[in-house]
Structure formats: C-alpha cells, structure tokens
C-alpha cells in the first residue's frame, strides 16, 4: 500500500513539474498569413503577438529565418508571466509565393526544447501597369 501511495505522489509531483515554467501562447496561431499582396503597396512588415501564460519569465533567446529574404526581430527583455509582446517580421516582397519558416528559440516549457516554428505564407504580386499608349488605343477602339 505504501508503494502505491509513493508511486501516486511521485507521479503527481512529476505532473506539477511539467506544468510550471514559462509558456508561450500565440494570438491567432503560429502562422503569419500575408494573403495576396502587391509589392508596390505593401512594406512586408507583419507582427505576431504572444503572451506568457506560465508562471516564470519567458526569454526569447533567438529568432532565426530560413533565408535572408525574411528578417525577424525579437523582444530584448524577458516577458513576465501574464504579459504580452510581439515578434516582428519583414519580408523583402519578392514576387511569387511565400512559404517560409521562422524558428523561435526560448525557454518555453510548452514547446519541445523551447523551439517554436512560425510559418509564413502568402503571395506577392506585381500590379500590371498599362502604358499611356495602351490606354489611348483602348479608348480609340471603343
């Protein structure tokens, strides 16, 4: 009987340890969706908000991109329990589909090894410009 009580106590203690520490929760999920945007009218800057839902300070140690076309920035200070912050991302707006991943390295207890993959998706288009000569031809043919 003592062994069973000891086993239950150890399991409960292990579960309580798994529940403590900093935890990161993203507002709206872990995907930044640019949608379909025009290179001419969009600066490529987006941000994703998060909250530390844990009971210890959350430290973002690094934010890495899979390529040089995406530049992320991270908070410089620890995020206290219950507080929110954001990670800003600047995409260079190369025309075509956007399929990138940013990896956040942190001390978050609710992600394996504190690594969080953020997905970036969308499509950048170039607005087709009509030359003055083409406009004049279309008006004359009407």
Protein backbone atom coordinates (compact mmCIF):
# COMPACT_ATOMS: atom_id res chain seq x y z
CA UNK A 1 0.00 0.00 0.00
CA UNK A 2 2.85 2.37 0.87
CA UNK A 3 4.40 1.70 -2.54
CA UNK A 4 1.18 2.67 -4.31
CA UNK A 5 0.87 5.90 -2.32
CA UNK A 6 4.53 6.71 -3.01
CA UNK A 7 4.06 5.99 -6.73
CA UNK A 8 0.96 8.22 -6.90
CA UNK A 9 2.79 11.00 -5.02
CA UNK A 10 5.76 10.79 -7.39
CA UNK A 11 3.51 10.88 -10.45
CA UNK A 12 1.61 13.89 -9.10
CA UNK A 13 4.91 15.63 -8.39
CA UNK A 14 6.11 14.92 -11.94
CA UNK A 15 2.91 16.35 -13.41
CA UNK A 16 3.19 19.51 -11.36
CA UNK A 17 6.77 20.00 -12.58
CA UNK A 18 5.61 19.62 -16.18
CA UNK A 19 3.03 22.36 -15.61
CA UNK A 20 5.43 25.02 -14.26
CA UNK A 21 7.71 27.42 -16.09
CA UNK A 22 7.22 29.98 -18.83
CA UNK A 23 4.67 29.17 -21.55
CA UNK A 24 4.15 30.94 -24.84
CA UNK A 25 0.70 31.20 -26.44
CA UNK A 26 0.24 32.95 -29.79
CA UNK A 27 -2.74 35.13 -30.54
CA UNK A 28 -4.30 33.65 -33.67
CA UNK A 29 -1.94 30.68 -34.03
CA UNK A 30 1.60 30.20 -35.29
CA UNK A 31 1.09 31.24 -38.94
CA UNK A 32 1.59 34.70 -40.40
CA UNK A 33 -0.64 34.92 -43.47
CA UNK A 34 0.22 37.73 -45.85
CA UNK A 35 -2.60 36.76 -48.19
CA UNK A 36 -2.22 38.11 -51.73
CA UNK A 37 -0.34 41.40 -51.56
CA UNK A 38 1.15 43.81 -54.06
CA UNK A 39 4.86 44.51 -53.97
CA UNK A 40 4.14 48.17 -54.78
CA UNK A 41 1.74 48.88 -51.94
CA UNK A 42 2.91 46.66 -49.05
CA UNK A 43 6.02 47.18 -46.92
CA UNK A 44 6.21 43.46 -45.98
CA UNK A 45 6.18 44.06 -42.22
CA UNK A 46 3.95 41.87 -40.05
CA UNK A 47 3.93 41.02 -36.36
CA UNK A 48 2.66 38.12 -34.33
CA UNK A 49 1.54 38.66 -30.75
CA UNK A 50 2.11 36.23 -27.91
CA UNK A 51 1.51 36.01 -24.18
CA UNK A 52 3.50 34.32 -21.43
CA UNK A 53 0.82 32.14 -19.83
CA UNK A 54 3.30 30.45 -17.50
CA UNK A 55 4.48 31.29 -14.01
CA UNK A 56 8.11 32.28 -14.78
CA UNK A 57 9.69 34.88 -17.09
CA UNK A 58 9.77 33.90 -20.78
CA UNK A 59 13.08 34.56 -22.52
CA UNK A 60 13.31 34.62 -26.33
CA UNK A 61 16.98 33.83 -26.94
CA UNK A 62 16.94 33.84 -30.75
CA UNK A 63 14.69 34.14 -33.79
CA UNK A 64 16.04 32.57 -36.99
CA UNK A 65 14.80 32.68 -40.56
CA UNK A 66 15.24 30.02 -43.22
CA UNK A 67 16.52 32.61 -45.70
CA UNK A 68 17.83 36.16 -45.99
CA UNK A 69 14.59 37.41 -47.53
CA UNK A 70 12.83 37.29 -44.16
CA UNK A 71 14.19 39.33 -41.27
CA UNK A 72 12.64 38.73 -37.82
CA UNK A 73 13.17 40.78 -34.68
CA UNK A 74 12.74 39.58 -31.11
CA UNK A 75 11.94 41.18 -27.75
CA UNK A 76 15.09 42.23 -25.90
CA UNK A 77 13.72 41.84 -22.36
CA UNK A 78 12.15 38.80 -20.65
CA UNK A 79 8.35 38.68 -20.82
CA UNK A 80 6.89 38.39 -17.34
CA UNK A 81 4.02 35.98 -16.56
CA UNK A 82 0.72 37.31 -17.88
CA UNK A 83 2.41 39.90 -20.11
CA UNK A 84 2.36 40.06 -23.91
CA UNK A 85 4.83 41.11 -26.59
CA UNK A 86 5.34 40.59 -30.32
CA UNK A 87 7.80 39.32 -32.87
CA UNK A 88 8.10 41.47 -35.97
CA UNK A 89 8.88 40.01 -39.40
CA UNK A 90 9.93 41.88 -42.55
CA UNK A 91 9.67 40.03 -45.86
CA UNK A 92 11.50 41.56 -48.83
CA UNK A 93 8.42 41.21 -51.08
CA UNK A 94 9.94 39.17 -53.92
CA UNK A 95 7.11 38.40 -56.37
CA UNK A 96 5.75 34.87 -56.10
CA UNK A 97 4.51 32.54 -53.37
CA UNK A 98 5.68 33.00 -49.78
CA UNK A 99 6.47 29.77 -47.91
CA UNK A 100 8.94 30.42 -45.10
CA UNK A 101 9.60 29.26 -41.56
CA UNK A 102 10.96 31.26 -38.65
CA UNK A 103 12.25 29.37 -35.61
CA UNK A 104 11.92 30.94 -32.19
CA UNK A 105 14.32 29.67 -29.55
CA UNK A 106 13.14 30.22 -26.00
CA UNK A 107 12.78 28.75 -22.54
CA UNK A 108 9.08 27.96 -23.12
CA UNK A 109 8.12 24.79 -21.25
CA UNK A 110 5.15 24.03 -23.51
CA UNK A 111 7.22 23.50 -26.71
CA UNK A 112 9.83 20.76 -27.26
CA UNK A 113 13.24 22.21 -26.34
CA UNK A 114 11.61 25.68 -26.35
CA UNK A 115 11.71 25.80 -30.19
CA UNK A 116 8.65 27.19 -31.91
CA UNK A 117 8.25 27.12 -35.71
CA UNK A 118 6.32 30.06 -37.15
CA UNK A 119 5.02 29.60 -40.67
CA UNK A 120 4.80 32.47 -43.14
CA UNK A 121 2.59 32.13 -46.18
CA UNK A 122 1.07 34.26 -48.89
CA UNK A 123 1.71 35.52 -52.38
CA UNK A 124 3.34 38.69 -53.65
CA UNK A 125 2.08 40.02 -56.97
CA UNK A 126 3.25 42.88 -59.16
CA UNK A 127 0.43 45.11 -60.34
CA UNK A 128 0.27 45.21 -64.09
CA UNK A 129 0.71 48.75 -65.31
CA UNK A 130 -0.96 49.95 -68.50
CA UNK A 131 1.10 52.37 -70.55
CA UNK A 132 -0.48 55.65 -71.72
CA UNK A 133 -0.32 54.38 -75.32
CA UNK A 134 -2.31 51.26 -74.46
CA UNK A 135 -4.89 53.39 -72.62
CA UNK A 136 -5.23 55.65 -75.68
CA UNK A 137 -5.64 52.66 -78.04
CA UNK A 138 -8.37 51.13 -75.87
CA UNK A 139 -10.24 54.44 -75.74
CA UNK A 140 -9.98 54.91 -79.53
CA UNK A 141 -11.31 51.40 -80.24
CA UNK A 142 -14.46 51.99 -78.21
